[in-house]
Amino acid sequence: MSSWMSWIVGKKDNRGSARDAIVGLRSQLLMLDKKEEHLNKKIEEELKKAKANATSNKRLATAALRQKKAFEGELDRIAGTRLTLESQVNALESANMNLETITAMKKGSDALKSIHGNLNIDKVDSTMDSIREQMDLTNEISDAISNPVHHDPVDEDELNDELEQLEQDELNNRLLGAERAPVHAPVAAGPQATASIPATASQSTPAAQSQEDDEDEELRQLQAQLAM
């Protein structure tokens, strides 16, 4: 039989013998309880007998007191025995608890040995590195999911060209509007209205006509430059 099996068998035998011993000691304590109860009744009876014959029959009273003392001595011996038995019970229960504790600790030690038998520091480091890599990958995936989805990038040069074209169209519209505006103020009907308008407003002199032609020519040139 191996040492391990011997230890298991010995452990079971020790546990069983300790349990049997505790049961036997407690049974003996119960018997002592009954014996004490019986002796206390006898002591009470002898005390009553002594009191009843204290004056009428001193010899009988003395005998009753002597018997009472004997019973009390026996009670003292039982008390000593009880103390010894209770000490043994406490020791056995403590030893049995220690045995159970050692058994549990042995099982825990064997379990640790079994677990650590398949592990070493290199495997632990490799596992931890793998865990860190997976955690980093998880964080990267979370960051990618949390970022908003972007559309295709817009060509900034194309936007600038479109903006310039809009500005050019707006400027052309303004220039066309200015060209279409009336140059001369309208003349009111009637001779009095004609007389009240200054000669420079009602009739264009050759110098004024030449200036207007020059302005029209500059305006057309400006429009041509803006349209380039």
Protein backbone atom coordinates (compact mmCIF):
# COMPACT_ATOMS: atom_id res chain seq x y z
CA MET A 1 0.00 0.00 0.00
CA SER A 2 1.37 3.41 -0.97
CA SER A 3 2.07 6.11 1.57
CA TRP A 4 -0.78 8.17 0.18
CA MET A 5 -3.29 5.34 0.54
CA SER A 6 -1.94 4.60 3.98
CA TRP A 7 -2.42 8.20 4.94
CA ILE A 8 -6.01 8.14 3.63
CA VAL A 9 -6.84 4.92 5.47
CA GLY A 10 -5.14 6.15 8.62
CA LYS A 11 -6.99 9.41 8.38
CA LYS A 12 -10.35 7.63 8.14
CA ASP A 13 -9.47 5.34 11.07
CA ASN A 14 -8.37 8.28 13.20
CA ARG A 15 -11.51 10.20 12.41
CA GLY A 16 -13.71 7.21 13.19
CA SER A 17 -11.91 6.39 16.44
CA ALA A 18 -12.06 10.01 17.56
CA ARG A 19 -15.80 10.10 16.87
CA ASP A 20 -16.37 6.86 18.77
CA ALA A 21 -14.34 8.11 21.72
CA ILE A 22 -16.28 11.37 21.86
CA VAL A 23 -19.59 9.50 21.74
CA GLY A 24 -18.45 7.20 24.54
CA LEU A 25 -17.27 10.07 26.73
CA ARG A 26 -20.48 11.99 26.29
CA SER A 27 -22.49 8.90 27.16
CA GLN A 28 -20.48 8.58 30.34
CA LEU A 29 -21.14 12.24 31.15
CA LEU A 30 -24.87 11.60 30.81
CA MET A 31 -24.59 8.71 33.26
CA LEU A 32 -22.76 10.99 35.70
CA ASP A 33 -25.56 13.53 35.36
CA LYS A 34 -28.11 10.90 36.37
CA LYS A 35 -25.88 9.75 39.23
CA GLU A 36 -25.52 13.32 40.51
CA GLU A 37 -29.28 13.83 40.33
CA HIS A 38 -29.82 10.63 42.34
CA LEU A 39 -27.22 11.62 44.96
CA ASN A 40 -28.73 15.09 45.35
CA LYS A 41 -32.10 13.49 46.11
CA LYS A 42 -30.47 11.15 48.66
CA ILE A 43 -28.68 14.09 50.30
CA GLU A 44 -31.94 15.99 50.54
CA GLU A 45 -33.67 12.95 52.12
CA GLU A 46 -30.90 12.46 54.70
CA LEU A 47 -30.99 16.15 55.55
CA LYS A 48 -34.75 16.00 56.15
CA LYS A 49 -34.28 12.89 58.32
CA ALA A 50 -31.60 14.63 60.37
CA LYS A 51 -33.79 17.67 60.91
CA ALA A 52 -36.78 15.53 61.91
CA ASN A 53 -34.75 13.59 64.54
CA ALA A 54 -32.48 16.38 65.73
CA THR A 55 -34.27 16.68 69.09
CA SER A 56 -36.12 13.38 69.45
CA ASN A 57 -33.47 10.90 68.29
CA LYS A 58 -29.97 12.23 68.14
CA ARG A 59 -28.45 8.88 67.16
CA LEU A 60 -30.69 8.61 64.09
CA ALA A 61 -30.08 12.27 63.24
CA THR A 62 -26.33 11.74 63.49
CA ALA A 63 -26.50 8.68 61.26
CA ALA A 64 -28.48 10.65 58.71
CA LEU A 65 -25.86 13.43 58.70
CA ARG A 66 -23.10 10.85 58.35
CA GLN A 67 -24.85 9.31 55.34
CA LYS A 68 -25.38 12.78 53.90
CA LYS A 69 -21.65 13.47 54.17
CA ALA A 70 -20.90 10.21 52.35
CA PHE A 71 -23.21 11.15 49.52
CA GLU A 72 -21.60 14.60 49.29
CA GLY A 73 -18.14 12.98 49.10
CA GLU A 74 -19.34 10.82 46.25
CA LEU A 75 -20.68 13.95 44.54
CA ASP A 76 -17.23 15.52 44.83
CA ARG A 77 -15.64 12.47 43.21
CA ILE A 78 -18.20 12.60 40.41
CA ALA A 79 -17.43 16.29 39.90
CA GLY A 80 -13.73 15.45 39.50
CA THR A 81 -14.55 12.65 37.09
CA ARG A 82 -16.82 14.96 35.14
CA LEU A 83 -14.01 17.52 34.81
CA THR A 84 -11.65 14.84 33.49
CA LEU A 85 -14.17 13.53 30.99
CA GLU A 86 -15.06 17.01 29.73
CA SER A 87 -11.36 17.79 29.28
CA GLN A 88 -10.96 14.62 27.22
CA VAL A 89 -13.99 15.49 25.08
CA ASN A 90 -12.67 18.98 24.44
CA ALA A 91 -9.24 17.61 23.54
CA LEU A 92 -10.71 15.01 21.18
CA GLU A 93 -12.99 17.56 19.48
CA SER A 94 -10.05 19.91 19.06
CA ALA A 95 -7.87 17.11 17.67
CA ASN A 96 -10.66 16.03 15.32
CA MET A 97 -11.06 19.59 14.09
CA ASN A 98 -7.32 19.80 13.52
CA LEU A 99 -7.49 16.58 11.54
CA GLU A 100 -10.30 17.93 9.35
CA THR A 101 -8.37 21.16 8.86
CA ILE A 102 -5.22 19.30 7.85
CA THR A 103 -7.26 17.14 5.48
CA ALA A 104 -8.78 20.20 3.80
CA MET A 105 -5.37 21.86 3.57
CA LYS A 106 -3.90 18.70 2.05
CA LYS A 107 -6.62 18.64 -0.59
CA GLY A 108 -5.98 22.30 -1.36
CA SER A 109 -2.25 21.66 -1.66
CA ASP A 110 -2.83 18.73 -4.02
CA ALA A 111 -5.18 20.85 -6.13
CA LEU A 112 -2.57 23.60 -6.40
CA LYS A 113 0.09 21.10 -7.39
CA SER A 114 -2.21 19.68 -10.07
CA ILE A 115 -2.93 23.15 -11.45
CA HIS A 116 0.66 24.37 -11.34
CA GLY A 117 1.86 21.13 -12.88
CA ASN A 118 0.45 22.31 -16.21
CA LEU A 119 1.69 25.87 -15.84
CA ASN A 120 5.02 27.63 -15.93
CA ILE A 121 6.10 31.25 -16.05
CA ASP A 122 6.63 31.15 -19.83
CA LYS A 123 3.05 29.99 -20.41
CA VAL A 124 1.74 32.66 -18.06
CA ASP A 125 3.73 35.40 -19.81
CA SER A 126 2.57 34.16 -23.21
CA THR A 127 -1.05 34.12 -22.08
CA MET A 128 -0.78 37.63 -20.64
CA ASP A 129 0.79 38.91 -23.88
CA SER A 130 -2.07 37.36 -25.85
CA ILE A 131 -4.60 38.97 -23.51
CA ARG A 132 -2.95 42.38 -23.93
CA GLU A 133 -2.95 42.02 -27.73
CA GLN A 134 -6.64 41.14 -27.74
CA MET A 135 -7.43 44.05 -25.44
CA ASP A 136 -5.51 46.44 -27.72
CA LEU A 137 -7.40 45.06 -30.72
CA THR A 138 -10.68 45.51 -28.86
CA ASN A 139 -9.82 49.15 -28.10
CA GLU A 140 -8.90 49.79 -31.75
CA ILE A 141 -12.17 48.27 -32.94
CA SER A 142 -14.11 50.33 -30.39
CA ASP A 143 -12.38 53.52 -31.54
CA ALA A 144 -13.13 52.70 -35.17
CA ILE A 145 -16.79 52.04 -34.42
CA SER A 146 -17.17 55.21 -32.35
CA ASN A 147 -15.73 57.49 -35.07
CA PRO A 148 -18.38 59.00 -37.40
CA VAL A 149 -18.54 57.76 -40.96
CA HIS A 150 -17.03 60.33 -43.38
CA HIS A 151 -18.06 60.79 -47.01
CA ASP A 152 -15.55 61.03 -49.84
CA PRO A 153 -13.29 64.06 -49.39
CA VAL A 154 -14.38 67.14 -51.34
CA ASP A 155 -11.96 68.76 -53.79
CA GLU A 156 -11.20 72.17 -52.30
CA ASP A 157 -9.93 73.53 -55.63
CA GLU A 158 -13.21 72.61 -57.27
CA LEU A 159 -15.14 74.41 -54.52
CA ASN A 160 -12.98 77.52 -54.94
CA ASP A 161 -13.53 77.54 -58.72
CA GLU A 162 -17.27 77.22 -58.23
CA LEU A 163 -17.26 80.04 -55.69
CA GLU A 164 -15.31 82.30 -58.05
CA GLN A 165 -17.79 81.56 -60.84
CA LEU A 166 -20.68 82.53 -58.57
CA GLU A 167 -18.95 85.76 -57.63
CA GLN A 168 -18.31 86.51 -61.33
CA ASP A 169 -21.96 85.89 -62.21
CA GLU A 170 -23.10 88.16 -59.40
CA LEU A 171 -20.74 90.92 -60.54
CA ASN A 172 -21.91 90.59 -64.15
CA ASN A 173 -25.53 90.87 -63.05
CA ARG A 174 -24.74 94.05 -61.15
CA LEU A 175 -22.90 95.57 -64.15
CA LEU A 176 -25.76 94.70 -66.52
CA GLY A 177 -28.22 96.31 -64.15
CA ALA A 178 -26.14 99.49 -64.02
CA GLU A 179 -25.93 99.58 -67.86
CA ARG A 180 -29.68 99.31 -68.24
CA ALA A 181 -30.43 102.13 -65.79
CA PRO A 182 -31.63 105.44 -67.50
CA VAL A 183 -28.89 108.02 -67.87
CA HIS A 184 -31.21 111.08 -68.25
CA ALA A 185 -33.95 112.11 -65.93
CA PRO A 186 -37.45 111.98 -67.48
CA VAL A 187 -38.85 115.33 -68.74
CA ALA A 188 -42.20 116.37 -67.36
CA ALA A 189 -44.97 117.24 -69.87
CA GLY A 190 -45.88 120.88 -70.47
CA PRO A 191 -44.02 124.04 -71.30
CA GLN A 192 -43.57 125.03 -67.65
CA ALA A 193 -41.86 121.76 -66.83
CA THR A 194 -39.59 122.13 -69.87
CA ALA A 195 -38.66 125.65 -68.86
CA SER A 196 -37.86 124.60 -65.30
CA ILE A 197 -35.31 121.89 -66.34
CA PRO A 198 -31.76 123.22 -66.79
CA ALA A 199 -30.28 123.10 -70.27
CA THR A 200 -27.63 120.56 -69.20
CA ALA A 201 -30.34 118.08 -68.13
CA SER A 202 -32.71 118.46 -71.13
CA GLN A 203 -30.13 118.56 -73.89
CA SER A 204 -26.74 116.83 -74.23
CA THR A 205 -23.85 118.92 -75.43
CA PRO A 206 -21.21 117.39 -77.73
CA ALA A 207 -18.74 117.26 -74.81
CA ALA A 208 -21.25 115.43 -72.58
CA GLN A 209 -22.07 112.96 -75.37
CA SER A 210 -18.39 112.23 -75.86
CA GLN A 211 -17.95 111.60 -72.11
CA GLU A 212 -20.89 109.18 -72.12
CA ASP A 213 -19.40 107.29 -75.04
CA ASP A 214 -16.08 107.02 -73.20
CA GLU A 215 -17.84 105.70 -70.08
CA ASP A 216 -19.77 103.15 -72.16
CA GLU A 217 -16.54 102.00 -73.75
CA GLU A 218 -14.82 101.65 -70.35
CA LEU A 219 -17.81 99.71 -69.04
CA ARG A 220 -17.68 97.27 -71.98
CA GLN A 221 -13.94 96.80 -71.50
CA LEU A 222 -14.47 96.10 -67.80
CA GLN A 223 -17.16 93.58 -68.60
CA ALA A 224 -14.88 91.90 -71.14
CA GLN A 225 -12.07 91.66 -68.56
CA LEU A 226 -14.38 90.23 -65.90
CA ALA A 227 -15.72 87.65 -68.37
CA MET A 228 -12.19 86.35 -69.11
